[in-house]
């Protein structure tokens, strides 16, 4: 019974933030006829307003984000074309990252470097995991498989932890960039501000939620490799 409760607690911790973010986005994604423009139009307006001349705007199916390499704000079609609180808040959040970049924000610069480390670490981890059977078969040494497993798991863990420590950057984009812009520019009414805060909080936590989900994937690899290690050592 204790293991069941522990398992449910782990699942709640890992998937809770992700489910809450999705619920929050969907809840406030109802069309608003009183809004003068879409999320994409607001994003372009903010890019022009803040003189981000080298920043591009486009739609994507890969999730809303700002790409610091190409200096591109990317919004999913639903938010790009939508007239909803979620569309407006997400657009402002992503442009907030572009503003961080333009201001040479130290946190953002660190996050960009760490993100590159995370990507490399995760790729290395995946390669190491896939190479375990090959290395073990070639060397015929159980220890070689154990070493590769350790490298793979460590690399994947580093990638996940790196994502988690970027939360301050997301909070800054939401509450020191997007929210002041939306409030001071009267883009949303005072009555809508509490809902906008919820959306921006969810936007900031989405990155962390994805990282927590990656922990589950890491646990699955551990569950697979630990029995395998015992088998190799036998």
C-alpha atoms as a PDB file:
ATOM      1  CA  UNK A   1       0.000   0.000   0.000  1.00  0.00           C
ATOM      2  CA  UNK A   2       2.851   2.352   0.851  1.00  0.00           C
ATOM      3  CA  UNK A   3       4.409   1.719  -2.556  1.00  0.00           C
ATOM      4  CA  UNK A   4       1.114   2.551  -4.267  1.00  0.00           C
ATOM      5  CA  UNK A   5       0.830   5.832  -2.361  1.00  0.00           C
ATOM      6  CA  UNK A   6       4.466   6.641  -3.118  1.00  0.00           C
ATOM      7  CA  UNK A   7       3.918   5.843  -6.787  1.00  0.00           C
ATOM      8  CA  UNK A   8       0.864   8.080  -6.978  1.00  0.00           C
ATOM      9  CA  UNK A   9       2.793  10.877  -5.250  1.00  0.00           C
ATOM     10  CA  UNK A  10       5.628  10.585  -7.756  1.00  0.00           C
ATOM     11  CA  UNK A  11       3.201  10.643 -10.687  1.00  0.00           C
ATOM     12  CA  UNK A  12       1.469  13.701  -9.209  1.00  0.00           C
ATOM     13  CA  UNK A  13       4.775  15.533  -8.788  1.00  0.00           C
ATOM     14  CA  UNK A  14       5.911  14.706 -12.297  1.00  0.00           C
ATOM     15  CA  UNK A  15       2.685  15.223 -14.227  1.00  0.00           C
ATOM     16  CA  UNK A  16       0.854  17.636 -11.920  1.00  0.00           C
ATOM     17  CA  UNK A  17       2.521  20.837 -13.188  1.00  0.00           C
ATOM     18  CA  UNK A  18       2.142  19.749 -16.806  1.00  0.00           C
ATOM     19  CA  UNK A  19      -1.554  18.925 -16.433  1.00  0.00           C
ATOM     20  CA  UNK A  20      -2.197  22.144 -14.510  1.00  0.00           C
ATOM     21  CA  UNK A  21      -0.487  24.202 -17.232  1.00  0.00           C
ATOM     22  CA  UNK A  22      -2.539  22.533 -19.972  1.00  0.00           C
ATOM     23  CA  UNK A  23      -5.740  23.050 -18.010  1.00  0.00           C
ATOM     24  CA  UNK A  24      -4.920  26.714 -17.418  1.00  0.00           C
ATOM     25  CA  UNK A  25      -4.124  27.346 -21.082  1.00  0.00           C
ATOM     26  CA  UNK A  26      -7.306  25.620 -22.263  1.00  0.00           C
ATOM     27  CA  UNK A  27      -9.480  27.329 -19.677  1.00  0.00           C
ATOM     28  CA  UNK A  28      -8.532  30.805 -20.906  1.00  0.00           C
ATOM     29  CA  UNK A  29      -8.331  30.015 -24.603  1.00  0.00           C
ATOM     30  CA  UNK A  30     -11.910  31.023 -25.337  1.00  0.00           C
ATOM     31  CA  UNK A  31     -12.284  33.543 -28.217  1.00  0.00           C
ATOM     32  CA  UNK A  32     -12.633  37.127 -27.070  1.00  0.00           C
ATOM     33  CA  UNK A  33     -14.374  39.452 -29.499  1.00  0.00           C
ATOM     34  CA  UNK A  34     -13.282  42.486 -27.462  1.00  0.00           C
ATOM     35  CA  UNK A  35      -9.624  41.848 -28.305  1.00  0.00           C
ATOM     36  CA  UNK A  36      -8.433  43.966 -31.261  1.00  0.00           C
ATOM     37  CA  UNK A  37      -5.906  41.417 -32.507  1.00  0.00           C
ATOM     38  CA  UNK A  38      -4.567  37.876 -32.356  1.00  0.00           C
ATOM     39  CA  UNK A  39      -1.620  36.554 -30.417  1.00  0.00           C
ATOM     40  CA  UNK A  40       0.511  36.746 -33.542  1.00  0.00           C
ATOM     41  CA  UNK A  41      -0.501  40.346 -34.192  1.00  0.00           C
ATOM     42  CA  UNK A  42       0.295  41.311 -30.616  1.00  0.00           C
ATOM     43  CA  UNK A  43       3.678  39.583 -30.838  1.00  0.00           C
ATOM     44  CA  UNK A  44       4.550  41.504 -34.015  1.00  0.00           C
ATOM     45  CA  UNK A  45       3.325  44.748 -32.427  1.00  0.00           C
ATOM     46  CA  UNK A  46       5.528  44.191 -29.366  1.00  0.00           C
ATOM     47  CA  UNK A  47       8.512  43.292 -31.533  1.00  0.00           C
ATOM     48  CA  UNK A  48       8.076  46.587 -33.397  1.00  0.00           C
ATOM     49  CA  UNK A  49       7.328  48.573 -30.244  1.00  0.00           C
ATOM     50  CA  UNK A  50      10.532  47.395 -28.550  1.00  0.00           C
ATOM     51  CA  UNK A  51      12.591  47.940 -31.704  1.00  0.00           C
ATOM     52  CA  UNK A  52      13.581  44.291 -32.033  1.00  0.00           C
ATOM     53  CA  UNK A  53      14.369  44.772 -35.696  1.00  0.00           C
ATOM     54  CA  UNK A  54      16.336  41.530 -36.068  1.00  0.00           C
ATOM     55  CA  UNK A  55      13.662  39.355 -34.414  1.00  0.00           C
ATOM     56  CA  UNK A  56      11.418  37.314 -36.697  1.00  0.00           C
ATOM     57  CA  UNK A  57       7.960  35.887 -36.002  1.00  0.00           C
ATOM     58  CA  UNK A  58       6.563  32.640 -37.354  1.00  0.00           C
ATOM     59  CA  UNK A  59       4.227  29.758 -36.569  1.00  0.00           C
ATOM     60  CA  UNK A  60       5.412  26.327 -35.487  1.00  0.00           C
ATOM     61  CA  UNK A  61       4.071  22.913 -34.584  1.00  0.00           C
ATOM     62  CA  UNK A  62       6.930  22.320 -32.136  1.00  0.00           C
ATOM     63  CA  UNK A  63       5.633  24.341 -29.191  1.00  0.00           C
ATOM     64  CA  UNK A  64       5.715  28.045 -28.385  1.00  0.00           C
ATOM     65  CA  UNK A  65       9.251  29.310 -27.837  1.00  0.00           C
ATOM     66  CA  UNK A  66      11.884  31.908 -28.640  1.00  0.00           C
ATOM     67  CA  UNK A  67      14.897  30.671 -30.588  1.00  0.00           C
ATOM     68  CA  UNK A  68      17.978  32.729 -29.591  1.00  0.00           C
ATOM     69  CA  UNK A  69      20.066  31.241 -32.394  1.00  0.00           C
ATOM     70  CA  UNK A  70      17.860  32.533 -35.216  1.00  0.00           C
ATOM     71  CA  UNK A  71      16.246  35.267 -33.079  1.00  0.00           C
ATOM     72  CA  UNK A  72      12.769  34.002 -33.869  1.00  0.00           C
ATOM     73  CA  UNK A  73       9.579  34.074 -31.802  1.00  0.00           C
ATOM     74  CA  UNK A  74       7.557  30.978 -32.679  1.00  0.00           C
ATOM     75  CA  UNK A  75       3.911  30.475 -31.746  1.00  0.00           C
ATOM     76  CA  UNK A  76       1.711  27.473 -32.374  1.00  0.00           C
ATOM     77  CA  UNK A  77      -1.127  28.185 -34.855  1.00  0.00           C
ATOM     78  CA  UNK A  78      -3.821  28.185 -32.169  1.00  0.00           C
ATOM     79  CA  UNK A  79      -2.162  31.014 -30.264  1.00  0.00           C
ATOM     80  CA  UNK A  80      -0.781  32.770 -33.326  1.00  0.00           C
ATOM     81  CA  UNK A  81      -4.267  33.077 -34.821  1.00  0.00           C
ATOM     82  CA  UNK A  82      -6.264  33.092 -31.598  1.00  0.00           C
ATOM     83  CA  UNK A  83      -7.958  36.012 -29.870  1.00  0.00           C
ATOM     84  CA  UNK A  84      -7.904  34.742 -26.298  1.00  0.00           C
ATOM     85  CA  UNK A  85      -6.228  35.547 -23.006  1.00  0.00           C
ATOM     86  CA  UNK A  86      -3.945  32.561 -23.443  1.00  0.00           C
ATOM     87  CA  UNK A  87      -2.936  33.678 -26.943  1.00  0.00           C
ATOM     88  CA  UNK A  88      -2.142  37.187 -25.729  1.00  0.00           C
ATOM     89  CA  UNK A  89      -0.262  36.081 -22.611  1.00  0.00           C
ATOM     90  CA  UNK A  90       1.799  33.404 -24.399  1.00  0.00           C
ATOM     91  CA  UNK A  91       2.707  35.856 -27.174  1.00  0.00           C
ATOM     92  CA  UNK A  92       3.860  38.427 -24.593  1.00  0.00           C
ATOM     93  CA  UNK A  93       5.826  35.753 -22.691  1.00  0.00           C
ATOM     94  CA  UNK A  94       7.761  34.635 -25.768  1.00  0.00           C
ATOM     95  CA  UNK A  95       8.465  38.211 -26.837  1.00  0.00           C
ATOM     96  CA  UNK A  96       9.650  38.687 -23.245  1.00  0.00           C
ATOM     97  CA  UNK A  97      12.441  36.221 -24.006  1.00  0.00           C
ATOM     98  CA  UNK A  98      13.371  38.205 -27.104  1.00  0.00           C
ATOM     99  CA  UNK A  99      13.569  41.340 -24.942  1.00  0.00           C
ATOM    100  CA  UNK A 100      15.790  39.489 -22.463  1.00  0.00           C
ATOM    101  CA  UNK A 101      18.071  38.579 -25.348  1.00  0.00           C
ATOM    102  CA  UNK A 102      18.176  42.144 -26.673  1.00  0.00           C
ATOM    103  CA  UNK A 103      19.003  43.475 -23.202  1.00  0.00           C
ATOM    104  CA  UNK A 104      21.837  40.946 -22.819  1.00  0.00           C
ATOM    105  CA  UNK A 105      20.118  39.633 -19.713  1.00  0.00           C
ATOM    106  CA  UNK A 106      22.687  37.620 -17.733  1.00  0.00           C
ATOM    107  CA  UNK A 107      20.157  34.975 -16.691  1.00  0.00           C
ATOM    108  CA  UNK A 108      18.996  34.508 -20.261  1.00  0.00           C
ATOM    109  CA  UNK A 109      22.579  34.218 -21.540  1.00  0.00           C
ATOM    110  CA  UNK A 110      23.320  31.590 -18.908  1.00  0.00           C
ATOM    111  CA  UNK A 111      20.123  29.735 -19.754  1.00  0.00           C
ATOM    112  CA  UNK A 112      21.051  29.690 -23.451  1.00  0.00           C
ATOM    113  CA  UNK A 113      24.451  28.190 -22.698  1.00  0.00           C
ATOM    114  CA  UNK A 114      22.984  25.665 -20.284  1.00  0.00           C
ATOM    115  CA  UNK A 115      20.302  24.684 -22.800  1.00  0.00           C
ATOM    116  CA  UNK A 116      23.028  23.843 -25.309  1.00  0.00           C
ATOM    117  CA  UNK A 117      24.756  21.760 -22.632  1.00  0.00           C
ATOM    118  CA  UNK A 118      21.469  19.990 -21.903  1.00  0.00           C
ATOM    119  CA  UNK A 119      20.883  19.153 -25.552  1.00  0.00           C
ATOM    120  CA  UNK A 120      24.402  17.745 -25.924  1.00  0.00           C
ATOM    121  CA  UNK A 121      24.111  15.806 -22.659  1.00  0.00           C
ATOM    122  CA  UNK A 122      20.778  14.275 -23.621  1.00  0.00           C
ATOM    123  CA  UNK A 123      22.110  13.236 -27.033  1.00  0.00           C
ATOM    124  CA  UNK A 124      25.185  11.693 -25.427  1.00  0.00           C
ATOM    125  CA  UNK A 125      22.976   9.878 -22.943  1.00  0.00           C
ATOM    126  CA  UNK A 126      20.764   8.436 -25.667  1.00  0.00           C
ATOM    127  CA  UNK A 127      23.764   7.302 -27.702  1.00  0.00           C
ATOM    128  CA  UNK A 128      25.275   5.656 -24.624  1.00  0.00           C
ATOM    129  CA  UNK A 129      22.024   3.859 -23.841  1.00  0.00           C
ATOM    130  CA  UNK A 130      21.659   2.535 -27.368  1.00  0.00           C
ATOM    131  CA  UNK A 131      25.304   1.467 -27.424  1.00  0.00           C
ATOM    132  CA  UNK A 132      25.107  -0.681 -24.276  1.00  0.00           C
ATOM    133  CA  UNK A 133      24.196  -3.990 -26.018  1.00  0.00           C
ATOM    134  CA  UNK A 134      26.808  -3.404 -28.740  1.00  0.00           C
ATOM    135  CA  UNK A 135      29.616  -2.540 -26.317  1.00  0.00           C
ATOM    136  CA  UNK A 136      28.731  -5.456 -24.040  1.00  0.00           C
ATOM    137  CA  UNK A 137      28.700  -7.871 -27.010  1.00  0.00           C
ATOM    138  CA  UNK A 138      32.026  -6.619 -28.408  1.00  0.00           C
ATOM    139  CA  UNK A 139      33.967  -6.464 -25.147  1.00  0.00           C
ATOM    140  CA  UNK A 140      32.189  -9.424 -23.487  1.00  0.00           C
ATOM    141  CA  UNK A 141      32.796  -7.543 -20.248  1.00  0.00           C
ATOM    142  CA  UNK A 142      29.782  -6.785 -18.041  1.00  0.00           C
ATOM    143  CA  UNK A 143      31.634  -3.828 -16.556  1.00  0.00           C
ATOM    144  CA  UNK A 144      31.719  -2.117 -19.962  1.00  0.00           C
ATOM    145  CA  UNK A 145      27.930  -2.173 -20.148  1.00  0.00           C
ATOM    146  CA  UNK A 146      27.720  -0.835 -16.597  1.00  0.00           C
ATOM    147  CA  UNK A 147      30.061   2.045 -17.457  1.00  0.00           C
ATOM    148  CA  UNK A 148      28.050   2.951 -20.548  1.00  0.00           C
ATOM    149  CA  UNK A 149      24.834   2.803 -18.518  1.00  0.00           C
ATOM    150  CA  UNK A 150      26.345   5.131 -15.908  1.00  0.00           C
ATOM    151  CA  UNK A 151      27.437   7.568 -18.613  1.00  0.00           C
ATOM    152  CA  UNK A 152      24.030   7.464 -20.250  1.00  0.00           C
ATOM    153  CA  UNK A 153      22.050   7.958 -17.057  1.00  0.00           C
ATOM    154  CA  UNK A 154      24.345  10.733 -15.826  1.00  0.00           C
ATOM    155  CA  UNK A 155      24.083  12.593 -19.124  1.00  0.00           C
ATOM    156  CA  UNK A 156      20.299  12.358 -19.130  1.00  0.00           C
ATOM    157  CA  UNK A 157      20.141  13.518 -15.504  1.00  0.00           C
ATOM    158  CA  UNK A 158      22.375  16.506 -16.258  1.00  0.00           C
ATOM    159  CA  UNK A 159      20.098  17.512 -19.113  1.00  0.00           C
ATOM    160  CA  UNK A 160      17.035  17.337 -16.887  1.00  0.00           C
ATOM    161  CA  UNK A 161      18.633  19.290 -14.035  1.00  0.00           C
ATOM    162  CA  UNK A 162      19.862  21.987 -16.417  1.00  0.00           C
ATOM    163  CA  UNK A 163      16.288  22.535 -17.592  1.00  0.00           C
ATOM    164  CA  UNK A 164      15.080  22.823 -14.016  1.00  0.00           C
ATOM    165  CA  UNK A 165      17.533  25.584 -13.058  1.00  0.00           C
ATOM    166  CA  UNK A 166      16.293  27.814 -15.889  1.00  0.00           C
ATOM    167  CA  UNK A 167      13.049  28.554 -14.004  1.00  0.00           C
ATOM    168  CA  UNK A 168      14.207  32.082 -12.981  1.00  0.00           C
ATOM    169  CA  UNK A 169      14.523  32.986 -16.667  1.00  0.00           C
ATOM    170  CA  UNK A 170      10.968  31.847 -17.332  1.00  0.00           C
ATOM    171  CA  UNK A 171       9.626  33.741 -14.317  1.00  0.00           C
ATOM    172  CA  UNK A 172      11.444  36.876 -15.449  1.00  0.00           C
ATOM    173  CA  UNK A 173       9.932  36.597 -18.945  1.00  0.00           C
ATOM    174  CA  UNK A 174       6.475  36.196 -17.420  1.00  0.00           C
ATOM    175  CA  UNK A 175       6.426  38.640 -14.506  1.00  0.00           C
ATOM    176  CA  UNK A 176       9.131  41.205 -15.258  1.00  0.00           C
ATOM    177  CA  UNK A 177       8.545  41.435 -18.990  1.00  0.00           C
ATOM    178  CA  UNK A 178       5.161  40.138 -20.196  1.00  0.00           C
ATOM    179  CA  UNK A 179       2.955  41.171 -17.266  1.00  0.00           C
ATOM    180  CA  UNK A 180       4.225  44.784 -16.999  1.00  0.00           C
ATOM    181  CA  UNK A 181       3.892  45.150 -20.773  1.00  0.00           C
ATOM    182  CA  UNK A 182       0.309  43.893 -20.779  1.00  0.00           C
ATOM    183  CA  UNK A 183      -0.637  46.032 -17.764  1.00  0.00           C
ATOM    184  CA  UNK A 184       1.044  49.286 -18.735  1.00  0.00           C
ATOM    185  CA  UNK A 185      -0.069  49.045 -22.357  1.00  0.00           C
ATOM    186  CA  UNK A 186      -3.674  48.342 -21.388  1.00  0.00           C
ATOM    187  CA  UNK A 187      -3.677  45.283 -23.646  1.00  0.00           C
ATOM    188  CA  UNK A 188      -5.919  43.521 -21.149  1.00  0.00           C
ATOM    189  CA  UNK A 189      -8.447  44.858 -18.660  1.00  0.00           C
ATOM    190  CA  UNK A 190      -7.879  44.981 -14.908  1.00  0.00           C
ATOM    191  CA  UNK A 191     -10.477  42.234 -14.525  1.00  0.00           C
ATOM    192  CA  UNK A 192      -8.408  39.929 -16.731  1.00  0.00           C
ATOM    193  CA  UNK A 193      -5.115  40.429 -14.871  1.00  0.00           C
ATOM    194  CA  UNK A 194      -5.640  37.575 -12.348  1.00  0.00           C
ATOM    195  CA  UNK A 195      -6.257  35.139 -15.224  1.00  0.00           C
ATOM    196  CA  UNK A 196      -3.252  36.513 -17.105  1.00  0.00           C
ATOM    197  CA  UNK A 197      -1.113  35.902 -14.015  1.00  0.00           C
ATOM    198  CA  UNK A 198      -2.255  32.277 -13.959  1.00  0.00           C
ATOM    199  CA  UNK A 199      -1.411  31.821 -17.629  1.00  0.00           C
ATOM    200  CA  UNK A 200       2.007  33.443 -17.265  1.00  0.00           C
ATOM    201  CA  UNK A 201       2.756  31.305 -14.220  1.00  0.00           C
ATOM    202  CA  UNK A 202       1.781  28.215 -16.202  1.00  0.00           C
ATOM    203  CA  UNK A 203       3.958  29.371 -19.109  1.00  0.00           C
ATOM    204  CA  UNK A 204       6.934  29.708 -16.773  1.00  0.00           C
ATOM    205  CA  UNK A 205       6.326  26.270 -15.244  1.00  0.00           C
ATOM    206  CA  UNK A 206       5.862  24.501 -18.589  1.00  0.00           C
ATOM    207  CA  UNK A 207       9.618  24.211 -19.025  1.00  0.00           C
ATOM    208  CA  UNK A 208       9.961  22.689 -15.574  1.00  0.00           C
ATOM    209  CA  UNK A 209       6.971  20.406 -16.158  1.00  0.00           C
ATOM    210  CA  UNK A 210       8.634  18.974 -19.257  1.00  0.00           C
ATOM    211  CA  UNK A 211      11.836  18.410 -17.287  1.00  0.00           C
ATOM    212  CA  UNK A 212       9.942  16.549 -14.568  1.00  0.00           C
ATOM    213  CA  UNK A 213       8.356  14.385 -17.266  1.00  0.00           C
ATOM    214  CA  UNK A 214      11.876  13.599 -18.479  1.00  0.00           C
ATOM    215  CA  UNK A 215      12.618  12.244 -15.000  1.00  0.00           C
ATOM    216  CA  UNK A 216      10.026   9.545 -15.619  1.00  0.00           C
ATOM    217  CA  UNK A 217      11.839   8.560 -18.785  1.00  0.00           C
ATOM    218  CA  UNK A 218      15.079   8.438 -16.791  1.00  0.00           C
ATOM    219  CA  UNK A 219      13.403   6.202 -14.193  1.00  0.00           C
ATOM    220  CA  UNK A 220      12.257   3.852 -16.957  1.00  0.00           C
ATOM    221  CA  UNK A 221      15.827   3.470 -18.154  1.00  0.00           C
ATOM    222  CA  UNK A 222      16.935   2.741 -14.585  1.00  0.00           C
ATOM    223  CA  UNK A 223      14.197   0.114 -14.255  1.00  0.00           C
ATOM    224  CA  UNK A 224      15.418  -1.533 -17.462  1.00  0.00           C
ATOM    225  CA  UNK A 225      19.140  -1.336 -16.768  1.00  0.00           C
ATOM    226  CA  UNK A 226      19.263  -2.397 -13.124  1.00  0.00           C
ATOM    227  CA  UNK A 227      17.893  -5.914 -13.837  1.00  0.00           C
ATOM    228  CA  UNK A 228      20.171  -6.055 -16.880  1.00  0.00           C
ATOM    229  CA  UNK A 229      23.168  -5.184 -14.722  1.00  0.00           C
ATOM    230  CA  UNK A 230      22.305  -8.007 -12.291  1.00  0.00           C
ATOM    231  CA  UNK A 231      22.016 -10.381 -15.239  1.00  0.00           C
ATOM    232  CA  UNK A 232      25.400  -9.350 -16.620  1.00  0.00           C
ATOM    233  CA  UNK A 233      27.028  -9.678 -13.214  1.00  0.00           C
ATOM    234  CA  UNK A 234      25.611 -13.163 -12.623  1.00  0.00           C
END
